[in-house]
Amino acid sequence: MTDDSRPGRPVMLGQNQYGKAENRVVKITRDGATHHIKDLNVSVALSGDMDEVHYSGSNANVLPTDTTKNTVYAFAKEHGIESAEQFGIHLARHFVTSQEPIKTARIRIEEYTWERIEASDANSRFIGADEVKHSFVRKGQETRVTQITYDGSSWEVISGLKDLVVMNSTNSEFWGYVKDKYTTLPEAYDRILATQVAARWRFNWSDDERKMPHWEKSYEQTRKHMLQAFAETYSLSLQQTLYQMGSRIINHRSEIDEVRFSLPNKHHFLVDLEPFGLKNDNEVYFAADRPYGLIEATVLRDGCEAKIPVDLTNL
């Protein structure tokens, strides 16, 4: 006897979805001798009238996942890839409007950046920053992400990035904290502040094509304001820096209402060199990868509701 036939023990189907995950698509746009690359990892999740395929195995309402895969590649040719967001919007609209049983489409995209290798110029001169000389971003690690959800009437677009490693080698302190009998951490008045940024931001765009953000410019500017806030904040805590990063984005980007950060504190501890008769004047550090402090918070435009999931690994 199955569970759903027992008196008083009904079994019901809950939330469900299906699709093709991690479709790797690389689109080369050839502009004469100059080529442009978009390298995406696209995951499609569809939901709607799918009860029967679970209850009886009937595939009458099922669009094969192989078809969703083929659609990704066909759309890369037919529509091009102007931005990850725009590409996801095209896909989500197609699945919901072309298949009556499909009520909601969620498109998740990771974008991998390729930097152009410029030819050397014997007459060029390298110019360094005049003021900010203590902030760094590790190259080649950042992954751009976006999630587009469409239910036939409303859109939700959440974009962001992960694995962006940043460091301030000074202008950071940590002191005045609660101490008890288990506290051994010494107060720091000049420390390294480093973190690996995972961030998501939610757009207030609904469905008016005329008011659609310029997705590439929005990402570029949002990232810029985030990094500038990190570099320019004299930090007394990573929480303070996080809030300044989110505030800078909200204050400068009108298309964004909410920013969610997950910032692991990449601890750097001064190495005791006294046993070797050496003085360590904030020069040599041990970089500890674990355990690490994990600082997470959401920054919102006044009057807006938080909608980005707390756990960014699920987005």
C-alpha atoms as a PDB file:
ATOM      1  CA  MET A   1       0.000   0.000   0.000  1.00  0.00           C
ATOM      2  CA  THR A   2       1.438   3.399  -0.956  1.00  0.00           C
ATOM      3  CA  ASP A   3       1.505   6.351   1.426  1.00  0.00           C
ATOM      4  CA  ASP A   4      -1.048   8.365  -0.598  1.00  0.00           C
ATOM      5  CA  SER A   5      -3.713   5.641  -0.129  1.00  0.00           C
ATOM      6  CA  ARG A   6      -3.560   5.584   3.648  1.00  0.00           C
ATOM      7  CA  PRO A   7      -6.581   7.194   5.352  1.00  0.00           C
ATOM      8  CA  GLY A   8      -5.635  10.543   6.849  1.00  0.00           C
ATOM      9  CA  ARG A   9      -2.230  10.504   5.169  1.00  0.00           C
ATOM     10  CA  PRO A  10      -2.695  12.399   1.876  1.00  0.00           C
ATOM     11  CA  VAL A  11       0.409  13.035  -0.233  1.00  0.00           C
ATOM     12  CA  MET A  12       0.557  16.158  -2.385  1.00  0.00           C
ATOM     13  CA  LEU A  13       3.023  17.404  -4.956  1.00  0.00           C
ATOM     14  CA  GLY A  14       4.783  20.575  -3.891  1.00  0.00           C
ATOM     15  CA  GLN A  15       6.863  23.119  -5.765  1.00  0.00           C
ATOM     16  CA  ASN A  16       8.630  21.586  -8.745  1.00  0.00           C
ATOM     17  CA  GLN A  17      10.660  22.655 -11.730  1.00  0.00           C
ATOM     18  CA  TYR A  18      12.779  21.133 -14.447  1.00  0.00           C
ATOM     19  CA  GLY A  19      15.139  22.230 -17.181  1.00  0.00           C
ATOM     20  CA  LYS A  20      18.664  21.990 -18.535  1.00  0.00           C
ATOM     21  CA  ALA A  21      21.445  23.179 -16.254  1.00  0.00           C
ATOM     22  CA  GLU A  22      24.853  24.611 -17.142  1.00  0.00           C
ATOM     23  CA  ASN A  23      24.612  25.036 -20.893  1.00  0.00           C
ATOM     24  CA  ARG A  24      27.998  26.460 -21.860  1.00  0.00           C
ATOM     25  CA  VAL A  25      27.685  28.804 -24.822  1.00  0.00           C
ATOM     26  CA  VAL A  26      30.455  30.939 -26.311  1.00  0.00           C
ATOM     27  CA  LYS A  27      29.413  33.576 -28.848  1.00  0.00           C
ATOM     28  CA  ILE A  28      32.038  35.198 -31.051  1.00  0.00           C
ATOM     29  CA  THR A  29      31.036  38.485 -32.668  1.00  0.00           C
ATOM     30  CA  ARG A  30      33.352  39.417 -35.521  1.00  0.00           C
ATOM     31  CA  ASP A  31      33.659  43.130 -36.188  1.00  0.00           C
ATOM     32  CA  GLY A  32      36.177  43.009 -38.981  1.00  0.00           C
ATOM     33  CA  ALA A  33      39.527  42.089 -37.502  1.00  0.00           C
ATOM     34  CA  THR A  34      38.226  42.871 -33.996  1.00  0.00           C
ATOM     35  CA  HIS A  35      36.431  40.018 -32.252  1.00  0.00           C
ATOM     36  CA  HIS A  36      34.241  40.149 -29.144  1.00  0.00           C
ATOM     37  CA  ILE A  37      33.562  37.179 -26.859  1.00  0.00           C
ATOM     38  CA  LYS A  38      30.600  36.378 -24.616  1.00  0.00           C
ATOM     39  CA  ASP A  39      31.170  33.232 -22.544  1.00  0.00           C
ATOM     40  CA  LEU A  40      28.089  32.135 -20.579  1.00  0.00           C
ATOM     41  CA  ASN A  41      26.963  29.233 -18.423  1.00  0.00           C
ATOM     42  CA  VAL A  42      23.149  29.183 -18.744  1.00  0.00           C
ATOM     43  CA  SER A  43      20.753  27.195 -16.549  1.00  0.00           C
ATOM     44  CA  VAL A  44      17.050  26.990 -17.420  1.00  0.00           C
ATOM     45  CA  ALA A  45      14.345  26.033 -14.894  1.00  0.00           C
ATOM     46  CA  LEU A  46      10.701  25.795 -15.964  1.00  0.00           C
ATOM     47  CA  SER A  47       7.560  25.284 -13.860  1.00  0.00           C
ATOM     48  CA  GLY A  48       3.819  25.225 -14.462  1.00  0.00           C
ATOM     49  CA  ASP A  49       1.195  22.553 -15.143  1.00  0.00           C
ATOM     50  CA  MET A  50       3.433  19.593 -14.448  1.00  0.00           C
ATOM     51  CA  ASP A  51       1.343  17.544 -12.024  1.00  0.00           C
ATOM     52  CA  GLU A  52       0.593  14.677 -14.396  1.00  0.00           C
ATOM     53  CA  VAL A  53       4.176  13.963 -15.335  1.00  0.00           C
ATOM     54  CA  HIS A  54       4.813  13.370 -11.630  1.00  0.00           C
ATOM     55  CA  TYR A  55       1.614  11.456 -10.862  1.00  0.00           C
ATOM     56  CA  SER A  56       1.214   9.296 -13.978  1.00  0.00           C
ATOM     57  CA  GLY A  57       4.354   9.843 -16.026  1.00  0.00           C
ATOM     58  CA  SER A  58       2.460  11.611 -18.839  1.00  0.00           C
ATOM     59  CA  ASN A  59       4.831  13.855 -20.791  1.00  0.00           C
ATOM     60  CA  ALA A  60       2.026  15.709 -22.605  1.00  0.00           C
ATOM     61  CA  ASN A  61       2.984  19.058 -21.009  1.00  0.00           C
ATOM     62  CA  VAL A  62       6.741  18.487 -20.929  1.00  0.00           C
ATOM     63  CA  LEU A  63       9.099  20.430 -23.188  1.00  0.00           C
ATOM     64  CA  PRO A  64      12.220  18.196 -23.332  1.00  0.00           C
ATOM     65  CA  THR A  65      15.257  19.535 -21.543  1.00  0.00           C
ATOM     66  CA  ASP A  66      17.210  18.810 -24.724  1.00  0.00           C
ATOM     67  CA  THR A  67      14.947  21.338 -26.443  1.00  0.00           C
ATOM     68  CA  THR A  68      15.750  23.974 -23.814  1.00  0.00           C
ATOM     69  CA  LYS A  69      19.441  23.328 -24.444  1.00  0.00           C
ATOM     70  CA  ASN A  70      19.003  23.735 -28.196  1.00  0.00           C
ATOM     71  CA  THR A  71      17.032  26.938 -27.635  1.00  0.00           C
ATOM     72  CA  VAL A  72      19.950  28.472 -25.737  1.00  0.00           C
ATOM     73  CA  TYR A  73      22.323  27.889 -28.646  1.00  0.00           C
ATOM     74  CA  ALA A  74      19.795  28.917 -31.299  1.00  0.00           C
ATOM     75  CA  PHE A  75      19.029  32.160 -29.465  1.00  0.00           C
ATOM     76  CA  ALA A  76      22.752  32.945 -29.240  1.00  0.00           C
ATOM     77  CA  LYS A  77      22.727  32.961 -33.049  1.00  0.00           C
ATOM     78  CA  GLU A  78      19.303  34.492 -33.682  1.00  0.00           C
ATOM     79  CA  HIS A  79      19.359  37.222 -31.026  1.00  0.00           C
ATOM     80  CA  GLY A  80      23.044  37.521 -30.214  1.00  0.00           C
ATOM     81  CA  ILE A  81      24.255  38.138 -26.674  1.00  0.00           C
ATOM     82  CA  GLU A  82      24.258  41.838 -25.916  1.00  0.00           C
ATOM     83  CA  SER A  83      24.349  41.152 -22.182  1.00  0.00           C
ATOM     84  CA  ALA A  84      23.650  38.237 -19.864  1.00  0.00           C
ATOM     85  CA  GLU A  85      20.511  39.993 -18.620  1.00  0.00           C
ATOM     86  CA  GLN A  86      19.121  40.694 -22.076  1.00  0.00           C
ATOM     87  CA  PHE A  87      19.851  37.139 -23.224  1.00  0.00           C
ATOM     88  CA  GLY A  88      18.086  35.725 -20.158  1.00  0.00           C
ATOM     89  CA  ILE A  89      15.078  37.967 -20.742  1.00  0.00           C
ATOM     90  CA  HIS A  90      14.755  36.705 -24.338  1.00  0.00           C
ATOM     91  CA  LEU A  91      14.888  33.089 -23.150  1.00  0.00           C
ATOM     92  CA  ALA A  92      12.449  33.514 -20.247  1.00  0.00           C
ATOM     93  CA  ARG A  93       9.893  35.303 -22.414  1.00  0.00           C
ATOM     94  CA  HIS A  94      10.173  32.627 -25.111  1.00  0.00           C
ATOM     95  CA  PHE A  95       9.568  29.673 -22.805  1.00  0.00           C
ATOM     96  CA  VAL A  96       6.571  31.235 -21.042  1.00  0.00           C
ATOM     97  CA  THR A  97       4.872  32.660 -24.124  1.00  0.00           C
ATOM     98  CA  SER A  98       5.490  29.752 -26.508  1.00  0.00           C
ATOM     99  CA  GLN A  99       4.442  26.870 -24.239  1.00  0.00           C
ATOM    100  CA  GLU A 100       1.004  27.147 -22.587  1.00  0.00           C
ATOM    101  CA  PRO A 101       1.736  24.675 -19.724  1.00  0.00           C
ATOM    102  CA  ILE A 102       4.842  26.642 -18.705  1.00  0.00           C
ATOM    103  CA  LYS A 103       3.879  29.420 -16.306  1.00  0.00           C
ATOM    104  CA  THR A 104       7.247  30.516 -14.938  1.00  0.00           C
ATOM    105  CA  ALA A 105      10.771  30.474 -16.354  1.00  0.00           C
ATOM    106  CA  ARG A 106      13.888  31.117 -14.304  1.00  0.00           C
ATOM    107  CA  ILE A 107      17.152  31.690 -16.148  1.00  0.00           C
ATOM    108  CA  ARG A 108      20.413  31.702 -14.215  1.00  0.00           C
ATOM    109  CA  ILE A 109      23.561  32.820 -16.000  1.00  0.00           C
ATOM    110  CA  GLU A 110      27.221  32.961 -15.040  1.00  0.00           C
ATOM    111  CA  GLU A 111      29.451  35.041 -17.315  1.00  0.00           C
ATOM    112  CA  TYR A 112      33.183  34.506 -17.621  1.00  0.00           C
ATOM    113  CA  THR A 113      35.178  37.541 -18.683  1.00  0.00           C
ATOM    114  CA  TRP A 114      37.904  37.458 -21.289  1.00  0.00           C
ATOM    115  CA  GLU A 115      40.311  40.412 -21.219  1.00  0.00           C
ATOM    116  CA  ARG A 116      41.721  41.538 -24.547  1.00  0.00           C
ATOM    117  CA  ILE A 117      45.527  41.287 -24.816  1.00  0.00           C
ATOM    118  CA  GLU A 118      46.665  44.613 -26.170  1.00  0.00           C
ATOM    119  CA  ALA A 119      49.709  44.959 -28.385  1.00  0.00           C
ATOM    120  CA  SER A 120      52.590  46.765 -26.750  1.00  0.00           C
ATOM    121  CA  ASP A 121      53.257  50.379 -27.644  1.00  0.00           C
ATOM    122  CA  ALA A 122      56.815  51.593 -27.312  1.00  0.00           C
ATOM    123  CA  ASN A 123      55.576  55.158 -26.848  1.00  0.00           C
ATOM    124  CA  SER A 124      53.050  54.356 -24.110  1.00  0.00           C
ATOM    125  CA  ARG A 125      53.554  55.403 -20.500  1.00  0.00           C
ATOM    126  CA  PHE A 126      52.103  53.733 -17.428  1.00  0.00           C
ATOM    127  CA  ILE A 127      50.337  56.146 -15.070  1.00  0.00           C
ATOM    128  CA  GLY A 128      49.646  55.100 -11.477  1.00  0.00           C
ATOM    129  CA  ALA A 129      46.860  56.293  -9.183  1.00  0.00           C
ATOM    130  CA  ASP A 130      47.747  59.544  -7.453  1.00  0.00           C
ATOM    131  CA  GLU A 131      45.839  59.020  -4.226  1.00  0.00           C
ATOM    132  CA  VAL A 132      44.529  55.467  -3.730  1.00  0.00           C
ATOM    133  CA  LYS A 133      47.601  53.238  -3.607  1.00  0.00           C
ATOM    134  CA  HIS A 134      46.550  50.614  -1.098  1.00  0.00           C
ATOM    135  CA  SER A 135      43.588  48.863  -2.782  1.00  0.00           C
ATOM    136  CA  PHE A 136      43.832  45.857  -5.048  1.00  0.00           C
ATOM    137  CA  VAL A 137      41.556  43.539  -7.057  1.00  0.00           C
ATOM    138  CA  ARG A 138      42.759  40.087  -8.057  1.00  0.00           C
ATOM    139  CA  LYS A 139      42.505  39.547 -11.795  1.00  0.00           C
ATOM    140  CA  GLY A 140      40.896  36.561 -13.432  1.00  0.00           C
ATOM    141  CA  GLN A 141      38.746  35.390 -10.487  1.00  0.00           C
ATOM    142  CA  GLU A 142      35.497  37.345 -10.749  1.00  0.00           C
ATOM    143  CA  THR A 143      32.401  35.694 -12.180  1.00  0.00           C
ATOM    144  CA  ARG A 144      29.420  37.790 -13.231  1.00  0.00           C
ATOM    145  CA  VAL A 145      26.000  36.308 -12.464  1.00  0.00           C
ATOM    146  CA  THR A 146      22.362  37.081 -13.180  1.00  0.00           C
ATOM    147  CA  GLN A 147      18.964  35.478 -12.587  1.00  0.00           C
ATOM    148  CA  ILE A 148      15.873  36.357 -14.606  1.00  0.00           C
ATOM    149  CA  THR A 149      12.434  35.143 -13.502  1.00  0.00           C
ATOM    150  CA  TYR A 150       9.285  35.645 -15.589  1.00  0.00           C
ATOM    151  CA  ASP A 151       5.769  34.419 -14.813  1.00  0.00           C
ATOM    152  CA  GLY A 152       3.966  35.807 -17.850  1.00  0.00           C
ATOM    153  CA  SER A 153       3.094  39.140 -16.237  1.00  0.00           C
ATOM    154  CA  SER A 154       6.008  40.322 -14.097  1.00  0.00           C
ATOM    155  CA  TRP A 155       9.787  40.202 -14.196  1.00  0.00           C
ATOM    156  CA  GLU A 156      12.449  39.932 -11.530  1.00  0.00           C
ATOM    157  CA  VAL A 157      16.062  40.579 -12.518  1.00  0.00           C
ATOM    158  CA  ILE A 158      18.805  40.021  -9.946  1.00  0.00           C
ATOM    159  CA  SER A 159      22.421  40.418 -11.034  1.00  0.00           C
ATOM    160  CA  GLY A 160      25.744  40.409  -9.261  1.00  0.00           C
ATOM    161  CA  LEU A 161      29.148  38.816  -8.996  1.00  0.00           C
ATOM    162  CA  LYS A 162      31.143  36.307  -6.987  1.00  0.00           C
ATOM    163  CA  ASP A 163      34.795  35.523  -6.276  1.00  0.00           C
ATOM    164  CA  LEU A 164      35.915  39.162  -6.462  1.00  0.00           C
ATOM    165  CA  VAL A 165      38.916  39.276  -4.112  1.00  0.00           C
ATOM    166  CA  VAL A 166      39.806  42.727  -2.766  1.00  0.00           C
ATOM    167  CA  MET A 167      42.278  43.998  -0.203  1.00  0.00           C
ATOM    168  CA  ASN A 168      43.160  47.185   1.663  1.00  0.00           C
ATOM    169  CA  SER A 169      46.672  46.931   3.045  1.00  0.00           C
ATOM    170  CA  THR A 170      46.019  49.784   5.505  1.00  0.00           C
ATOM    171  CA  ASN A 171      43.261  52.198   6.603  1.00  0.00           C
ATOM    172  CA  SER A 172      41.549  49.444   8.576  1.00  0.00           C
ATOM    173  CA  GLU A 173      41.227  48.956  12.349  1.00  0.00           C
ATOM    174  CA  PHE A 174      39.392  46.592  14.689  1.00  0.00           C
ATOM    175  CA  TRP A 175      39.159  47.417  18.368  1.00  0.00           C
ATOM    176  CA  GLY A 176      36.673  48.235  21.161  1.00  0.00           C
ATOM    177  CA  TYR A 177      34.854  44.915  20.768  1.00  0.00           C
ATOM    178  CA  VAL A 178      33.276  42.772  23.479  1.00  0.00           C
ATOM    179  CA  LYS A 179      35.774  40.698  25.455  1.00  0.00           C
ATOM    180  CA  ASP A 180      35.179  37.709  27.677  1.00  0.00           C
ATOM    181  CA  LYS A 181      37.318  34.936  29.171  1.00  0.00           C
ATOM    182  CA  TYR A 182      37.623  33.238  25.764  1.00  0.00           C
ATOM    183  CA  THR A 183      38.862  36.331  23.924  1.00  0.00           C
ATOM    184  CA  THR A 184      42.471  36.171  22.785  1.00  0.00           C
ATOM    185  CA  LEU A 185      42.382  38.417  19.706  1.00  0.00           C
ATOM    186  CA  PRO A 186      44.516  41.551  20.196  1.00  0.00           C
ATOM    187  CA  GLU A 187      43.097  44.893  19.135  1.00  0.00           C
ATOM    188  CA  ALA A 188      44.334  46.133  15.771  1.00  0.00           C
ATOM    189  CA  TYR A 189      44.878  49.760  14.811  1.00  0.00           C
ATOM    190  CA  ASP A 190      46.445  49.120  11.416  1.00  0.00           C
ATOM    191  CA  ARG A 191      45.485  45.865   9.743  1.00  0.00           C
ATOM    192  CA  ILE A 192      44.945  44.273   6.354  1.00  0.00           C
ATOM    193  CA  LEU A 193      41.280  44.146   5.337  1.00  0.00           C
ATOM    194  CA  ALA A 194      40.587  41.537   2.656  1.00  0.00           C
ATOM    195  CA  THR A 195      37.476  39.740   1.489  1.00  0.00           C
ATOM    196  CA  GLN A 196      36.068  37.711  -1.381  1.00  0.00           C
ATOM    197  CA  VAL A 197      32.969  39.569  -2.467  1.00  0.00           C
ATOM    198  CA  ALA A 198      29.732  37.806  -3.325  1.00  0.00           C
ATOM    199  CA  ALA A 199      27.087  40.404  -4.171  1.00  0.00           C
ATOM    200  CA  ARG A 200      23.627  40.447  -5.719  1.00  0.00           C
ATOM    201  CA  TRP A 201      21.549  43.484  -6.617  1.00  0.00           C
ATOM    202  CA  ARG A 202      17.887  43.653  -7.574  1.00  0.00           C
ATOM    203  CA  PHE A 203      16.645  45.909 -10.344  1.00  0.00           C
ATOM    204  CA  ASN A 204      13.394  47.864 -10.083  1.00  0.00           C
ATOM    205  CA  TRP A 205      12.667  47.337 -13.800  1.00  0.00           C
ATOM    206  CA  SER A 206       9.291  45.714 -14.427  1.00  0.00           C
ATOM    207  CA  ASP A 207       8.482  45.185 -18.102  1.00  0.00           C
ATOM    208  CA  ASP A 208       8.570  48.572 -19.840  1.00  0.00           C
ATOM    209  CA  GLU A 209      11.058  48.116 -22.696  1.00  0.00           C
ATOM    210  CA  ARG A 210      11.571  51.882 -22.873  1.00  0.00           C
ATOM    211  CA  LYS A 211      12.806  51.928 -19.276  1.00  0.00           C
ATOM    212  CA  MET A 212      15.010  48.853 -19.485  1.00  0.00           C
ATOM    213  CA  PRO A 213      18.465  49.518 -17.997  1.00  0.00           C
ATOM    214  CA  HIS A 214      21.583  49.432 -20.128  1.00  0.00           C
ATOM    215  CA  TRP A 215      22.703  46.167 -18.567  1.00  0.00           C
ATOM    216  CA  GLU A 216      26.401  46.323 -19.478  1.00  0.00           C
ATOM    217  CA  LYS A 217      26.820  49.904 -18.297  1.00  0.00           C
ATOM    218  CA  SER A 218      24.834  49.184 -15.134  1.00  0.00           C
ATOM    219  CA  TYR A 219      27.118  46.278 -14.222  1.00  0.00           C
ATOM    220  CA  GLU A 220      30.261  48.254 -14.980  1.00  0.00           C
ATOM    221  CA  GLN A 221      29.140  51.255 -12.918  1.00  0.00           C
ATOM    222  CA  THR A 222      27.786  49.181 -10.021  1.00  0.00           C
ATOM    223  CA  ARG A 223      31.064  47.299  -9.774  1.00  0.00           C
ATOM    224  CA  LYS A 224      32.977  50.579  -9.951  1.00  0.00           C
ATOM    225  CA  HIS A 225      31.020  52.182  -7.104  1.00  0.00           C
ATOM    226  CA  MET A 226      31.373  49.035  -5.011  1.00  0.00           C
ATOM    227  CA  LEU A 227      35.151  48.983  -5.415  1.00  0.00           C
ATOM    228  CA  GLN A 228      35.523  52.725  -4.886  1.00  0.00           C
ATOM    229  CA  ALA A 229      33.574  52.506  -1.631  1.00  0.00           C
ATOM    230  CA  PHE A 230      35.784  49.633  -0.471  1.00  0.00           C
ATOM    231  CA  ALA A 231      38.938  51.597  -1.290  1.00  0.00           C
ATOM    232  CA  GLU A 232      37.806  54.954   0.078  1.00  0.00           C
ATOM    233  CA  THR A 233      36.241  53.860   3.376  1.00  0.00           C
ATOM    234  CA  TYR A 234      38.493  54.153   6.413  1.00  0.00           C
ATOM    235  CA  SER A 235      37.226  50.967   7.988  1.00  0.00           C
ATOM    236  CA  LEU A 236      36.636  50.318  11.685  1.00  0.00           C
ATOM    237  CA  SER A 237      34.818  47.061  10.850  1.00  0.00           C
ATOM    238  CA  LEU A 238      34.026  44.996   7.783  1.00  0.00           C
ATOM    239  CA  GLN A 239      30.337  45.659   8.528  1.00  0.00           C
ATOM    240  CA  GLN A 240      30.935  49.375   8.133  1.00  0.00           C
ATOM    241  CA  THR A 241      32.684  48.809   4.802  1.00  0.00           C
ATOM    242  CA  LEU A 242      29.852  46.551   3.595  1.00  0.00           C
ATOM    243  CA  TYR A 243      27.268  49.221   4.373  1.00  0.00           C
ATOM    244  CA  GLN A 244      29.272  51.880   2.552  1.00  0.00           C
ATOM    245  CA  MET A 245      29.597  49.622  -0.507  1.00  0.00           C
ATOM    246  CA  GLY A 246      25.851  49.033  -0.611  1.00  0.00           C
ATOM    247  CA  SER A 247      25.016  52.681   0.080  1.00  0.00           C
ATOM    248  CA  ARG A 248      27.269  53.884  -2.708  1.00  0.00           C
ATOM    249  CA  ILE A 249      25.475  51.605  -5.162  1.00  0.00           C
ATOM    250  CA  ILE A 250      21.965  52.614  -4.040  1.00  0.00           C
ATOM    251  CA  ASN A 251      22.842  56.329  -4.094  1.00  0.00           C
ATOM    252  CA  HIS A 252      24.399  56.242  -7.565  1.00  0.00           C
ATOM    253  CA  ARG A 253      22.319  53.659  -9.443  1.00  0.00           C
ATOM    254  CA  SER A 254      18.633  54.564  -9.587  1.00  0.00           C
ATOM    255  CA  GLU A 255      17.750  51.268 -11.295  1.00  0.00           C
ATOM    256  CA  ILE A 256      18.786  49.247  -8.211  1.00  0.00           C
ATOM    257  CA  ASP A 257      16.672  48.994  -5.050  1.00  0.00           C
ATOM    258  CA  GLU A 258      18.447  46.271  -3.057  1.00  0.00           C
ATOM    259  CA  VAL A 259      21.980  44.938  -2.610  1.00  0.00           C
ATOM    260  CA  ARG A 260      22.909  41.773  -0.709  1.00  0.00           C
ATOM    261  CA  PHE A 261      26.510  41.029   0.306  1.00  0.00           C
ATOM    262  CA  SER A 262      28.264  37.971   1.664  1.00  0.00           C
ATOM    263  CA  LEU A 263      31.790  38.935   2.719  1.00  0.00           C
ATOM    264  CA  PRO A 264      34.120  36.348   4.250  1.00  0.00           C
ATOM    265  CA  ASN A 265      36.907  38.055   6.152  1.00  0.00           C
ATOM    266  CA  LYS A 266      40.140  36.768   4.638  1.00  0.00           C
ATOM    267  CA  HIS A 267      42.247  37.069   7.765  1.00  0.00           C
ATOM    268  CA  HIS A 268      45.888  38.137   7.603  1.00  0.00           C
ATOM    269  CA  PHE A 269      47.845  37.734  10.828  1.00  0.00           C
ATOM    270  CA  LEU A 270      51.221  39.293  11.552  1.00  0.00           C
ATOM    271  CA  VAL A 271      53.943  36.642  11.816  1.00  0.00           C
ATOM    272  CA  ASP A 272      55.975  36.677  15.026  1.00  0.00           C
ATOM    273  CA  LEU A 273      59.545  37.151  13.821  1.00  0.00           C
ATOM    274  CA  GLU A 274      61.049  37.973  17.235  1.00  0.00           C
ATOM    275  CA  PRO A 275      62.420  34.419  17.727  1.00  0.00           C
ATOM    276  CA  PHE A 276      64.663  35.181  14.751  1.00  0.00           C
ATOM    277  CA  GLY A 277      65.730  38.578  16.052  1.00  0.00           C
ATOM    278  CA  LEU A 278      63.628  40.367  13.419  1.00  0.00           C
ATOM    279  CA  LYS A 279      61.074  43.154  13.807  1.00  0.00           C
ATOM    280  CA  ASN A 280      57.848  42.747  11.871  1.00  0.00           C
ATOM    281  CA  ASP A 281      56.641  46.279  11.181  1.00  0.00           C
ATOM    282  CA  ASN A 282      53.346  45.369   9.481  1.00  0.00           C
ATOM    283  CA  GLU A 283      55.203  43.725   6.610  1.00  0.00           C
ATOM    284  CA  VAL A 284      54.945  39.930   6.807  1.00  0.00           C
ATOM    285  CA  TYR A 285      51.586  38.198   7.293  1.00  0.00           C
ATOM    286  CA  PHE A 286      50.174  34.709   7.447  1.00  0.00           C
ATOM    287  CA  ALA A 287      47.084  34.403   5.229  1.00  0.00           C
ATOM    288  CA  ALA A 288      44.554  32.086   6.923  1.00  0.00           C
ATOM    289  CA  ASP A 289      41.870  30.560   4.707  1.00  0.00           C
ATOM    290  CA  ARG A 290      39.805  29.057   7.560  1.00  0.00           C
ATOM    291  CA  PRO A 291      38.090  29.483   9.856  1.00  0.00           C
ATOM    292  CA  TYR A 292      36.928  32.893   8.690  1.00  0.00           C
ATOM    293  CA  GLY A 293      34.537  35.560   9.854  1.00  0.00           C
ATOM    294  CA  LEU A 294      31.507  35.800   7.567  1.00  0.00           C
ATOM    295  CA  ILE A 295      29.764  39.157   7.331  1.00  0.00           C
ATOM    296  CA  GLU A 296      26.411  39.279   5.498  1.00  0.00           C
ATOM    297  CA  ALA A 297      23.817  41.998   5.140  1.00  0.00           C
ATOM    298  CA  THR A 298      21.285  43.619   2.811  1.00  0.00           C
ATOM    299  CA  VAL A 299      21.261  47.339   1.972  1.00  0.00           C
ATOM    300  CA  LEU A 300      17.941  48.726   0.722  1.00  0.00           C
ATOM    301  CA  ARG A 301      16.578  51.854  -0.837  1.00  0.00           C
ATOM    302  CA  ASP A 302      14.286  53.556   1.684  1.00  0.00           C
ATOM    303  CA  GLY A 303      10.753  52.174   1.436  1.00  0.00           C
ATOM    304  CA  CYS A 304      11.730  49.027  -0.471  1.00  0.00           C
ATOM    305  CA  GLU A 305      11.257  45.425   0.612  1.00  0.00           C
ATOM    306  CA  ALA A 306      14.065  42.874   0.785  1.00  0.00           C
ATOM    307  CA  LYS A 307      13.536  40.110  -1.779  1.00  0.00           C
ATOM    308  CA  ILE A 308      17.017  38.708  -2.458  1.00  0.00           C
ATOM    309  CA  PRO A 309      17.496  35.341  -0.700  1.00  0.00           C
ATOM    310  CA  VAL A 310      19.641  35.423   2.426  1.00  0.00           C
ATOM    311  CA  ASP A 311      21.746  32.506   1.182  1.00  0.00           C
ATOM    312  CA  LEU A 312      23.397  33.696  -2.017  1.00  0.00           C
ATOM    313  CA  THR A 313      24.533  30.171  -2.876  1.00  0.00           C
ATOM    314  CA  ASN A 314      20.906  29.485  -3.799  1.00  0.00           C
ATOM    315  CA  LEU A 315      20.868  32.285  -6.341  1.00  0.00           C
END
